[in-house]
Every structure is written in C-alpha cells, then in structure tokens.
C-alpha cells in the first residue's frame, strides 16, 4: 500500500474513531486503541492517526470556530455530525499538522471522498466550500 493509500485509510479510521467517540462518549484512549487494533497500521501511519485524532478532539472548539466563521446563512448546529467531524479533522490537518507537508488540495480532496462515502451527496459541495473558505483564511 502506498503512502497515499495509507493516509486515505488513516483519515477514514480517524473519522470512524471521532464518530465512535462522539456517539458513545467513550474514553479517547480506548477508542484510539480499538481503531488501531482494527486497522493494524504501520508505525508512521499509526502516528498520523493518533496525532490527527487527539489534536482534533483537543482543538474541537477552535476548529468549530473556523467552520462557523466560514458559514453563510447557516449555523454550526445545523451541520450533520459526520460533515462536522470531517471538516474538523481536515482543518486540523491543514492548520496543526504542517510538519507532514500535506497539500491542502490532498486534504480537501480526501475530505470530499469521506463525505461521499460516509455522508450524503449534498455534503460533498458543502464540505468542499467550507474547507476551501477556511483554507484561504489560514
């Protein structure tokens, strides 16, 4: 599996972990342990997963603020949870994980793929628009 495919799977795993944490309110360490057990990532990918998961949770309020600042005629509480988590983790990756040197285009493209896969068809354009707007302000 290429690095690109590892990251794609890693982002899916993080989204699933964030969603599991949101719905179950389980301990973050347990959720992370479960996701790492399920996927058996190599060391660099596991580091990426752990960091993205923890940073997204730790910074969720400031990430939400960035989302909110980019919404037009919409409020944060109207966004479905999957789309919100996808956007939080993507903004986290773009703004707080620069050492990975991942192009914002790759991050946003991956977010759109996850929205297509785990949310609704309407979500893709919405997620793309918000993330593009946020990126321009970073």
Foldseek 3Di string as FASTA:
>chain_A
DDPLVLLLVLLVLLLVLVVCCVVVVDDSVVSLVVSCVVPVHPDVSNVVSVVLNVQLVVCVVVQLVLLQVQDDPDHSVVDDPSLSSLSSSLLCCLPPVCVVVDDNVSSLVSSLVSCVVPHHPVSNVVSSSSSVSSNVVD
